[in-house]
N, C-alpha and C. Protein backbone atom coordinates (compact mmCIF):
# COMPACT_ATOMS: atom_id res chain seq x y z
N MET A 1 0.77 -1.36 0.01
CA MET A 1 -0.02 -0.06 -0.03
C MET A 1 1.02 1.21 0.02
N ASN A 2 1.95 1.37 1.13
CA ASN A 2 2.80 2.19 0.57
C ASN A 2 3.65 2.56 -0.49
N LEU A 3 3.67 1.50 -1.25
CA LEU A 3 4.47 1.68 -2.32
C LEU A 3 3.31 2.39 -3.31
N LYS A 4 1.88 1.96 -3.35
CA LYS A 4 1.00 2.92 -4.57
C LYS A 4 1.10 4.17 -4.28
N ILE A 5 1.20 4.79 -2.67
CA ILE A 5 1.23 5.98 -2.34
C ILE A 5 2.53 6.72 -2.98
N ASN A 6 3.50 6.20 -2.77
CA ASN A 6 4.88 6.70 -3.46
C ASN A 6 4.91 6.73 -4.94
N ASP A 7 3.90 5.69 -5.68
CA ASP A 7 3.72 6.07 -7.21
C ASP A 7 2.89 7.14 -7.43
N GLU A 8 1.88 7.35 -6.60
CA GLU A 8 1.11 8.62 -6.91
C GLU A 8 1.67 10.09 -6.38
N SER A 9 2.41 9.98 -5.79
CA SER A 9 3.40 11.00 -5.15
C SER A 9 4.04 11.56 -6.38
N LEU A 10 4.86 10.36 -6.79
CA LEU A 10 6.14 10.70 -7.84
C LEU A 10 5.52 11.06 -9.04
N LEU A 11 3.98 10.38 -9.48
CA LEU A 11 3.46 10.91 -10.35
C LEU A 11 2.75 12.34 -10.54
N ALA A 12 2.50 12.86 -9.67
CA ALA A 12 2.01 14.10 -9.30
C ALA A 12 3.05 15.05 -9.33
N THR A 13 4.15 14.84 -8.95
CA THR A 13 5.26 15.48 -8.62
C THR A 13 5.56 15.50 -10.31
N LEU A 14 5.89 14.84 -11.49
CA LEU A 14 6.11 15.05 -12.61
C LEU A 14 5.42 15.37 -13.44
N VAL A 15 4.00 15.48 -12.73
CA VAL A 15 2.87 16.40 -14.00
C VAL A 15 3.32 17.67 -13.64
N SER A 16 3.19 17.70 -12.28
CA SER A 16 3.59 19.29 -11.50
C SER A 16 4.53 19.99 -12.10
N GLU A 17 6.17 19.45 -12.41
CA GLU A 17 6.86 19.93 -12.77
C GLU A 17 6.63 20.08 -14.50
N THR A 18 6.03 19.02 -15.11
CA THR A 18 5.83 19.37 -16.82
C THR A 18 5.12 20.41 -16.87
N TYR A 19 4.07 20.54 -16.00
CA TYR A 19 3.30 21.84 -15.98
C TYR A 19 3.75 23.00 -16.07
N GLN A 20 5.05 23.06 -15.22
CA GLN A 20 5.89 24.32 -14.92
C GLN A 20 6.68 24.59 -16.12
N CYS A 21 7.17 23.35 -16.86
CA CYS A 21 8.05 23.37 -17.99
C CYS A 21 7.48 24.17 -19.29
N VAL A 22 6.26 23.55 -19.17
CA VAL A 22 5.21 24.21 -20.26
C VAL A 22 4.71 25.47 -20.80
N ASP A 23 5.50 26.28 -21.45
CA ASP A 23 5.27 27.72 -21.65
C ASP A 23 3.99 27.97 -21.60
N GLU A 24 3.23 29.17 -20.33
CA GLU A 24 2.05 29.61 -20.19
C GLU A 24 1.49 30.04 -21.51
N LYS A 25 2.13 30.89 -22.18
CA LYS A 25 1.74 31.48 -23.59
C LYS A 25 1.47 30.14 -24.48
N GLU A 26 1.74 29.20 -24.58
CA GLU A 26 1.61 27.74 -25.57
C GLU A 26 -0.01 27.66 -25.43
N GLU A 27 -0.92 27.76 -26.69
CA GLU A 27 -2.02 27.52 -26.63
C GLU A 27 -2.67 26.52 -26.07
N ASN A 28 -1.88 25.35 -26.10
CA ASN A 28 -2.12 24.06 -25.58
C ASN A 28 -2.06 23.76 -24.14
N SER A 29 -1.22 24.71 -23.32
CA SER A 29 -0.70 24.33 -22.11
C SER A 29 -1.58 24.02 -20.97
N SER A 30 -3.00 24.17 -21.22
CA SER A 30 -3.64 23.26 -20.33
C SER A 30 -3.89 22.04 -20.50
N ASN A 31 -3.77 21.61 -21.84
CA ASN A 31 -4.08 20.22 -22.08
C ASN A 31 -3.02 19.33 -22.37
N LEU A 32 -2.17 19.12 -21.48
CA LEU A 32 -0.90 18.41 -21.83
C LEU A 32 -0.79 17.24 -22.95
N SER A 33 -1.79 16.59 -23.19
CA SER A 33 -1.79 15.34 -24.25
C SER A 33 -1.76 16.44 -25.52
N ALA A 34 -2.55 17.12 -25.49
CA ALA A 34 -2.69 18.13 -27.00
C ALA A 34 -1.34 19.17 -27.02
N TYR A 35 -0.67 19.62 -25.90
CA TYR A 35 0.61 20.08 -26.13
C TYR A 35 1.79 19.31 -26.41
N PHE A 36 1.77 18.10 -25.64
CA PHE A 36 2.67 17.03 -26.30
C PHE A 36 2.71 16.69 -27.83
N GLU A 37 1.17 16.74 -28.22
CA GLU A 37 1.13 15.91 -29.37
C GLU A 37 1.44 17.32 -30.47
N SER A 38 0.90 18.32 -30.19
CA SER A 38 1.69 19.42 -31.24
C SER A 38 3.38 19.71 -31.13
N ARG A 39 3.74 19.41 -30.19
CA ARG A 39 5.14 19.56 -30.16
C ARG A 39 5.80 18.52 -30.87
N MET A 40 5.28 17.23 -30.47
CA MET A 40 5.93 16.03 -31.34
C MET A 40 5.68 15.97 -32.81
N SER A 41 4.28 16.60 -33.36
CA SER A 41 3.94 16.91 -34.79
C SER A 41 5.06 18.07 -35.39
N SER A 42 5.45 18.71 -34.59
CA SER A 42 6.46 20.14 -35.21
C SER A 42 7.60 19.45 -35.22
N GLU A 43 8.21 18.44 -34.38
CA GLU A 43 9.44 18.10 -34.37
C GLU A 43 9.28 17.13 -35.68
N VAL A 44 8.30 16.43 -35.60
CA VAL A 44 8.58 15.37 -36.79
C VAL A 44 8.73 16.21 -38.07
N GLU A 45 7.75 17.42 -38.31
CA GLU A 45 7.89 17.96 -39.49
C GLU A 45 9.34 18.69 -39.62
N GLY A 46 9.86 18.93 -38.84
CA GLY A 46 11.12 19.60 -38.65
C GLY A 46 12.40 18.57 -38.85
N SER A 47 12.21 17.30 -38.30
CA SER A 47 13.26 16.15 -38.38
C SER A 47 14.02 16.10 -39.79
N ASN A 48 13.30 16.03 -40.67
CA ASN A 48 13.68 15.99 -42.30
C ASN A 48 14.18 17.35 -42.96
N SER A 49 14.97 17.95 -41.88
CA SER A 49 15.50 19.04 -42.38
C SER A 49 17.13 19.24 -41.77
N ASP A 50 17.95 19.92 -42.38
CA ASP A 50 19.29 20.31 -41.85
C ASP A 50 19.37 21.50 -41.90
N HIS A 51 19.35 21.83 -40.08
CA HIS A 51 18.87 23.61 -39.60
C HIS A 51 20.09 23.85 -39.80
N PHE A 52 21.53 23.41 -39.64
CA PHE A 52 22.64 24.02 -39.99
C PHE A 52 22.64 24.81 -41.41
N LEU A 53 22.31 23.91 -42.41
CA LEU A 53 22.50 24.18 -43.48
C LEU A 53 21.66 25.20 -44.09
N GLU A 54 20.25 25.32 -43.37
CA GLU A 54 19.01 26.20 -43.70
C GLU A 54 19.45 27.37 -43.09
N ASP A 55 19.93 27.47 -42.04
CA ASP A 55 20.73 28.74 -41.09
C ASP A 55 21.22 29.43 -42.23
N LYS A 56 22.36 28.49 -42.50
CA LYS A 56 23.60 29.13 -43.35
C LYS A 56 22.89 30.00 -44.83
N LEU A 57 22.13 29.37 -45.26
CA LEU A 57 21.42 29.96 -46.55
C LEU A 57 20.44 31.05 -46.36
N LEU A 58 19.67 31.38 -45.29
CA LEU A 58 18.87 32.15 -44.93
C LEU A 58 20.04 33.28 -44.47
N ARG A 59 20.75 33.11 -43.78
CA ARG A 59 22.00 34.19 -43.08
C ARG A 59 22.33 34.65 -44.42
N SER A 60 22.65 34.03 -45.84
CA SER A 60 23.32 34.40 -46.64
C SER A 60 22.24 34.97 -47.76
N ASN A 61 20.75 35.20 -47.48
CA ASN A 61 19.84 35.34 -48.40
C ASN A 61 19.77 34.89 -49.75
N VAL A 62 19.98 33.31 -49.57
CA VAL A 62 20.03 32.33 -50.69
C VAL A 62 18.61 31.58 -50.45
N SER A 63 17.69 31.89 -51.67
CA SER A 63 16.67 31.18 -51.85
C SER A 63 16.61 29.82 -51.91
N PHE A 64 15.67 28.94 -51.04
CA PHE A 64 15.97 27.48 -50.86
C PHE A 64 14.63 26.98 -50.51
N SER A 65 14.69 25.74 -50.98
CA SER A 65 13.21 24.68 -50.41
C SER A 65 14.09 23.16 -49.88
N CYS A 66 13.40 23.01 -48.61
CA CYS A 66 13.38 21.45 -48.65
C CYS A 66 12.08 20.72 -49.69
N MET A 67 12.81 19.68 -50.41
CA MET A 67 11.51 19.25 -51.21
C MET A 67 11.34 17.75 -50.17
N SER A 68 9.87 17.65 -50.31
CA SER A 68 9.10 16.18 -49.61
C SER A 68 9.12 15.27 -50.87
N TYR A 69 9.59 13.82 -50.70
CA TYR A 69 9.20 13.23 -51.72
C TYR A 69 7.63 12.37 -51.34
N PHE A 70 6.68 12.47 -52.19
CA PHE A 70 5.57 11.59 -51.89
C PHE A 70 5.53 10.34 -52.87
N LEU A 71 5.31 9.31 -51.94
CA LEU A 71 5.54 8.03 -52.73
C LEU A 71 4.17 7.50 -53.27
N GLU A 72 2.90 8.00 -52.95
CA GLU A 72 2.17 7.76 -53.65
C GLU A 72 1.91 8.40 -55.03
N THR A 73 2.56 9.60 -55.04
CA THR A 73 2.41 10.16 -56.72
C THR A 73 3.71 10.00 -57.19
N SER A 74 4.69 9.50 -56.47
CA SER A 74 5.57 9.51 -57.30
C SER A 74 6.63 10.98 -57.54
N SER A 75 6.02 12.04 -56.95
CA SER A 75 6.53 13.29 -56.93
C SER A 75 7.53 14.22 -55.64
N PHE A 76 8.37 14.81 -56.38
CA PHE A 76 8.72 16.01 -55.23
C PHE A 76 7.85 17.05 -55.03
N HIS A 77 7.89 17.52 -53.84
CA HIS A 77 6.73 18.89 -53.66
C HIS A 77 7.52 19.61 -52.81
N PHE A 78 7.81 21.08 -53.02
CA PHE A 78 8.15 21.80 -52.30
C PHE A 78 7.68 23.39 -52.56
N ASP A 79 7.72 24.47 -51.85
CA ASP A 79 7.05 25.43 -51.61
C ASP A 79 8.15 26.43 -51.82
N LEU A 80 8.05 27.60 -52.40
CA LEU A 80 8.86 28.80 -52.84
C LEU A 80 8.13 29.89 -53.03
N LYS A 81 8.50 31.03 -52.05
CA LYS A 81 8.06 32.18 -51.85
C LYS A 81 6.41 32.09 -52.17
N GLY A 82 5.76 31.36 -51.26
CA GLY A 82 4.18 31.21 -50.95
C GLY A 82 3.51 30.53 -52.28
N GLU A 83 4.39 29.79 -53.41
CA GLU A 83 3.75 29.31 -54.33
C GLU A 83 4.29 27.40 -54.15
N SER A 84 3.12 26.50 -54.24
CA SER A 84 3.67 25.34 -54.13
C SER A 84 3.93 24.65 -55.60
N TYR A 85 4.94 24.13 -55.49
CA TYR A 85 5.31 23.22 -56.96
C TYR A 85 5.49 21.54 -56.49
N THR A 86 5.28 20.93 -57.71
CA THR A 86 5.55 19.52 -57.64
C THR A 86 5.88 19.18 -59.04
N CYS A 87 6.94 18.14 -58.50
CA CYS A 87 7.69 17.98 -59.89
C CYS A 87 7.78 16.16 -59.99
N PRO A 88 7.13 15.47 -60.99
CA PRO A 88 7.62 14.25 -61.16
C PRO A 88 9.04 13.70 -61.03
N ARG A 89 8.76 12.53 -59.95
CA ARG A 89 10.40 11.94 -60.11
C ARG A 89 10.87 11.50 -61.08
N ASN A 90 9.92 11.38 -62.42
CA ASN A 90 10.93 10.81 -63.67
C ASN A 90 11.39 12.27 -64.41
N TRP A 91 11.08 13.45 -63.78
CA TRP A 91 11.22 14.58 -64.40
C TRP A 91 12.57 15.36 -64.64
N GLY A 92 13.64 14.80 -65.75
CA GLY A 92 15.23 15.62 -65.73
C GLY A 92 15.83 14.67 -64.51
N GLU A 93 16.47 15.82 -63.82
CA GLU A 93 17.33 15.17 -62.79
C GLU A 93 16.77 14.82 -61.44
N PHE A 94 15.46 15.07 -61.24
CA PHE A 94 14.53 14.24 -60.22
C PHE A 94 15.01 13.14 -59.82
N GLU A 95 15.03 12.43 -61.09
CA GLU A 95 15.31 10.89 -60.56
C GLU A 95 16.46 10.55 -60.40
N ARG A 96 17.49 11.43 -60.55
CA ARG A 96 19.01 11.35 -59.87
C ARG A 96 18.66 11.60 -58.45
N VAL A 97 18.09 12.87 -58.15
CA VAL A 97 18.01 12.89 -56.64
C VAL A 97 17.18 11.79 -55.88
N PHE A 98 16.06 11.45 -56.90
CA PHE A 98 15.55 10.10 -55.69
C PHE A 98 16.34 9.04 -55.55
N SER A 99 17.40 8.51 -56.84
CA SER A 99 18.19 7.54 -56.46
C SER A 99 19.13 7.81 -55.38
N GLU A 100 19.51 9.03 -55.21
CA GLU A 100 20.86 9.42 -54.39
C GLU A 100 20.21 9.88 -52.58
N MET A 101 19.05 10.05 -52.60
CA MET A 101 18.59 11.09 -51.54
C MET A 101 18.90 10.33 -50.31
N ASN A 102 18.74 8.64 -50.31
CA ASN A 102 18.91 8.03 -49.11
C ASN A 102 20.12 7.49 -48.54
N ASP A 103 21.40 7.96 -49.78
CA ASP A 103 22.69 7.49 -49.31
C ASP A 103 22.90 8.13 -47.83
N THR A 104 24.08 7.94 -47.45
CA THR A 104 24.55 8.47 -46.17
C THR A 104 25.56 9.83 -46.43
N GLU A 105 26.18 9.49 -48.15
CA GLU A 105 27.28 10.58 -48.50
C GLU A 105 26.17 12.07 -49.05
N TYR A 106 26.53 13.28 -48.99
CA TYR A 106 25.61 14.49 -49.23
C TYR A 106 26.10 14.20 -50.59
N LYS A 107 25.03 14.61 -51.67
CA LYS A 107 25.46 14.76 -52.93
C LYS A 107 24.45 16.13 -53.48
N ILE A 108 25.45 16.58 -54.44
CA ILE A 108 25.06 18.16 -55.01
C ILE A 108 24.98 17.99 -56.48
N PHE A 109 24.18 18.50 -57.10
CA PHE A 109 23.92 18.68 -58.17
C PHE A 109 23.69 19.91 -59.00
N GLU A 110 25.10 20.11 -59.29
CA GLU A 110 24.99 21.82 -59.78
C GLU A 110 24.49 21.18 -61.16
N TYR A 111 24.06 22.82 -61.44
CA TYR A 111 22.78 23.08 -62.91
C TYR A 111 22.38 22.31 -62.84
N PHE A 112 21.33 22.14 -61.98
CA PHE A 112 20.16 21.22 -61.68
C PHE A 112 18.96 21.70 -62.93
N ASN A 113 18.98 20.41 -63.57
CA ASN A 113 17.70 20.76 -64.52
C ASN A 113 17.81 21.67 -65.90
N GLU A 114 19.03 22.31 -65.61
CA GLU A 114 19.22 23.36 -66.81
C GLU A 114 18.65 22.80 -67.97
N ASP A 115 18.99 21.79 -68.44
CA ASP A 115 18.38 21.62 -69.71
C ASP A 115 16.55 21.30 -69.85
N TYR A 116 15.97 21.61 -68.66
CA TYR A 116 14.87 21.21 -69.00
C TYR A 116 14.14 22.60 -68.57
N LEU A 117 15.43 23.62 -68.67
CA LEU A 117 14.33 25.18 -68.44
C LEU A 117 13.89 25.21 -66.95
N LEU A 118 14.44 24.63 -66.10
CA LEU A 118 13.89 24.73 -64.55
C LEU A 118 14.24 26.21 -64.22
N ASN A 119 15.29 26.66 -64.71
CA ASN A 119 15.51 28.05 -64.16
C ASN A 119 14.20 29.18 -64.43
N GLU A 120 13.85 29.01 -65.92
CA GLU A 120 12.96 29.64 -66.75
C GLU A 120 11.63 29.61 -65.73
N ILE A 121 11.48 28.56 -65.07
CA ILE A 121 10.16 28.15 -64.20
C ILE A 121 10.13 29.30 -62.84
N PHE A 122 11.01 29.18 -62.13
CA PHE A 122 11.45 30.32 -61.04
C PHE A 122 11.99 31.44 -61.45
N LYS A 123 11.80 32.01 -62.05
CA LYS A 123 12.48 33.06 -62.47
C LYS A 123 11.65 34.36 -61.80
N SER A 124 10.55 34.19 -62.23
CA SER A 124 9.53 35.14 -61.61
C SER A 124 9.67 35.51 -60.13
N SER A 125 9.99 34.20 -59.36
CA SER A 125 10.06 34.07 -57.74
C SER A 125 11.43 34.50 -57.49
N ILE A 126 12.64 34.41 -58.09
CA ILE A 126 13.70 34.38 -57.64
C ILE A 126 14.22 36.17 -58.02
N ASP A 127 14.46 36.73 -57.35
CA ASP A 127 15.01 38.36 -57.62
C ASP A 127 16.45 38.50 -57.81
N TYR A 128 17.20 37.64 -58.22
CA TYR A 128 18.80 37.62 -58.16
C TYR A 128 19.12 36.48 -59.40
N GLU A 129 20.07 36.91 -60.17
CA GLU A 129 20.80 35.56 -61.37
C GLU A 129 21.12 34.29 -60.28
N TYR A 130 20.55 33.31 -60.92
CA TYR A 130 21.13 31.95 -60.12
C TYR A 130 20.98 30.94 -60.93
N GLU A 131 21.91 30.12 -60.11
CA GLU A 131 21.88 28.54 -60.48
C GLU A 131 21.24 27.56 -59.82
N THR A 132 20.50 26.78 -60.53
CA THR A 132 19.51 25.92 -59.77
C THR A 132 20.70 24.59 -59.11
N ILE A 133 20.64 24.45 -57.84
CA ILE A 133 21.29 23.15 -57.42
C ILE A 133 20.37 22.24 -56.79
N ALA A 134 20.65 21.15 -56.59
CA ALA A 134 19.85 20.11 -55.69
C ALA A 134 20.75 19.46 -55.05
N PHE A 135 20.45 19.48 -53.50
CA PHE A 135 21.45 18.99 -52.44
C PHE A 135 20.63 17.60 -52.00
N CYS A 136 21.20 16.48 -51.63
CA CYS A 136 20.35 15.49 -50.86
C CYS A 136 21.06 14.71 -49.83
N ARG A 137 20.94 13.74 -48.83
CA ARG A 137 21.49 13.17 -48.07
C ARG A 137 20.41 12.53 -46.91
N ASN A 138 20.34 11.25 -46.62
CA ASN A 138 19.81 10.29 -45.51
C ASN A 138 18.47 11.03 -45.66
N GLY A 139 17.59 10.85 -46.78
CA GLY A 139 16.39 11.10 -47.35
C GLY A 139 15.76 12.58 -47.05
N GLU A 140 16.91 13.51 -47.04
CA GLU A 140 16.28 15.17 -47.14
C GLU A 140 17.10 15.49 -48.46
N SER A 141 16.27 16.09 -49.12
CA SER A 141 16.49 16.91 -50.37
C SER A 141 16.10 18.55 -50.57
N TYR A 142 16.98 19.05 -51.10
CA TYR A 142 16.90 20.73 -51.19
C TYR A 142 16.87 20.98 -52.51
N ILE A 143 16.08 21.71 -52.76
CA ILE A 143 16.42 22.64 -54.11
C ILE A 143 17.07 24.21 -53.64
N ILE A 144 18.08 24.60 -54.24
CA ILE A 144 18.76 25.66 -53.89
C ILE A 144 18.87 26.79 -54.85
N PHE A 145 18.47 27.90 -54.82
CA PHE A 145 18.95 28.90 -56.06
C PHE A 145 20.15 29.60 -55.75
N MET A 146 21.20 29.22 -56.08
CA MET A 146 22.55 29.68 -55.93
C MET A 146 22.69 31.08 -56.52
N PRO A 147 23.11 32.58 -55.83
CA PRO A 147 23.64 33.30 -56.57
C PRO A 147 24.80 32.95 -57.78
N LYS A 148 24.57 33.59 -58.93
CA LYS A 148 25.70 33.45 -59.84
C LYS A 148 26.65 33.93 -59.45
N GLU A 149 26.62 35.22 -58.45
CA GLU A 149 28.04 35.83 -58.34
C GLU A 149 28.34 35.74 -57.12
N ASN A 150 28.01 34.72 -56.61
CA ASN A 150 28.28 34.39 -54.98
C ASN A 150 29.06 33.02 -55.03
N VAL A 151 30.28 32.49 -55.54
CA VAL A 151 30.88 31.36 -55.56
C VAL A 151 31.08 30.90 -54.06
N GLU A 152 31.16 31.84 -53.44
CA GLU A 152 31.49 31.75 -51.59
C GLU A 152 30.54 30.63 -50.90
N ILE A 153 29.31 30.85 -51.39
CA ILE A 153 28.33 29.88 -50.68
C ILE A 153 28.13 28.62 -51.61
N LEU A 154 28.48 28.42 -52.77
CA LEU A 154 28.87 27.14 -53.21
C LEU A 154 30.15 26.13 -52.81
N ASN A 155 31.13 27.13 -52.67
CA ASN A 155 32.56 26.45 -51.89
C ASN A 155 32.11 25.92 -50.53
N TRP A 156 31.42 26.67 -49.69
CA TRP A 156 30.84 26.09 -48.17
C TRP A 156 30.01 25.30 -48.34
N LEU A 157 29.50 25.20 -49.27
CA LEU A 157 28.34 23.76 -49.40
C LEU A 157 29.23 22.68 -49.70
N LYS A 158 29.99 22.56 -50.58
CA LYS A 158 31.04 21.30 -50.73
C LYS A 158 31.97 21.21 -49.66
N LYS A 159 32.52 22.22 -48.91
CA LYS A 159 33.10 21.96 -47.36
C LYS A 159 32.69 21.36 -46.70
N TYR A 160 31.02 21.90 -46.38
CA TYR A 160 30.06 21.31 -45.81
C TYR A 160 29.86 19.85 -45.99
N CYS A 161 29.80 19.56 -47.05
CA CYS A 161 29.55 17.76 -47.41
C CYS A 161 30.67 17.34 -46.92
N GLU A 162 32.12 17.63 -47.49
CA GLU A 162 33.08 17.04 -47.12
C GLU A 162 33.31 16.71 -45.42
N SER A 163 32.97 18.04 -44.57
CA SER A 163 33.32 17.81 -43.34
C SER A 163 31.89 16.90 -42.95
N SER A 164 31.13 16.83 -43.14
CA SER A 164 30.01 15.97 -42.47
C SER A 164 30.14 14.45 -43.21
N GLU A 165 30.96 14.40 -44.31
CA GLU A 165 31.60 12.86 -44.50
C GLU A 165 32.09 12.30 -43.72
N LYS A 166 33.38 13.47 -43.30
CA LYS A 166 34.29 12.70 -42.45
C LYS A 166 33.57 12.26 -41.11
N ALA A 167 32.75 13.24 -40.76
CA ALA A 167 32.25 13.04 -39.48
C ALA A 167 31.32 11.73 -39.27
N ALA A 168 30.54 11.42 -40.06
CA ALA A 168 29.55 10.36 -40.08
C ALA A 168 30.73 8.93 -40.19
């Protein structure tokens, strides 16, 4: 019987501490189940991205998007400047991205789909001269609009790939 009281006390303490850790400004802070479900879904949505890479690209004012692959439609989907795009897996070099994206080594596809006029499609969304690059590893894939005048970012990306491969 004493064991049950200790268990209840421990649970009460854990619940109390959990409520204290939950940000009171959170919408679901009064409902722990909803709170943790929303936290879990936001972590799952963000888990398929490389935050270090994204931070570098954002700080460098480089337009990019994380591409999601949908098995049901055999296509890549990404958003760019408020527009949604879906590209079939078998369209140009998307096939190569698909075949390489689950590899453990980073792959960079420079001049991505240049032969298929991909640059023309996004010209109205990107306000600088760019080269389209695809980048993938471990199920992550990105489409990056690398400024033509800034080779430093591309060099950084290549070094990032090399350093990540050595660390793996």
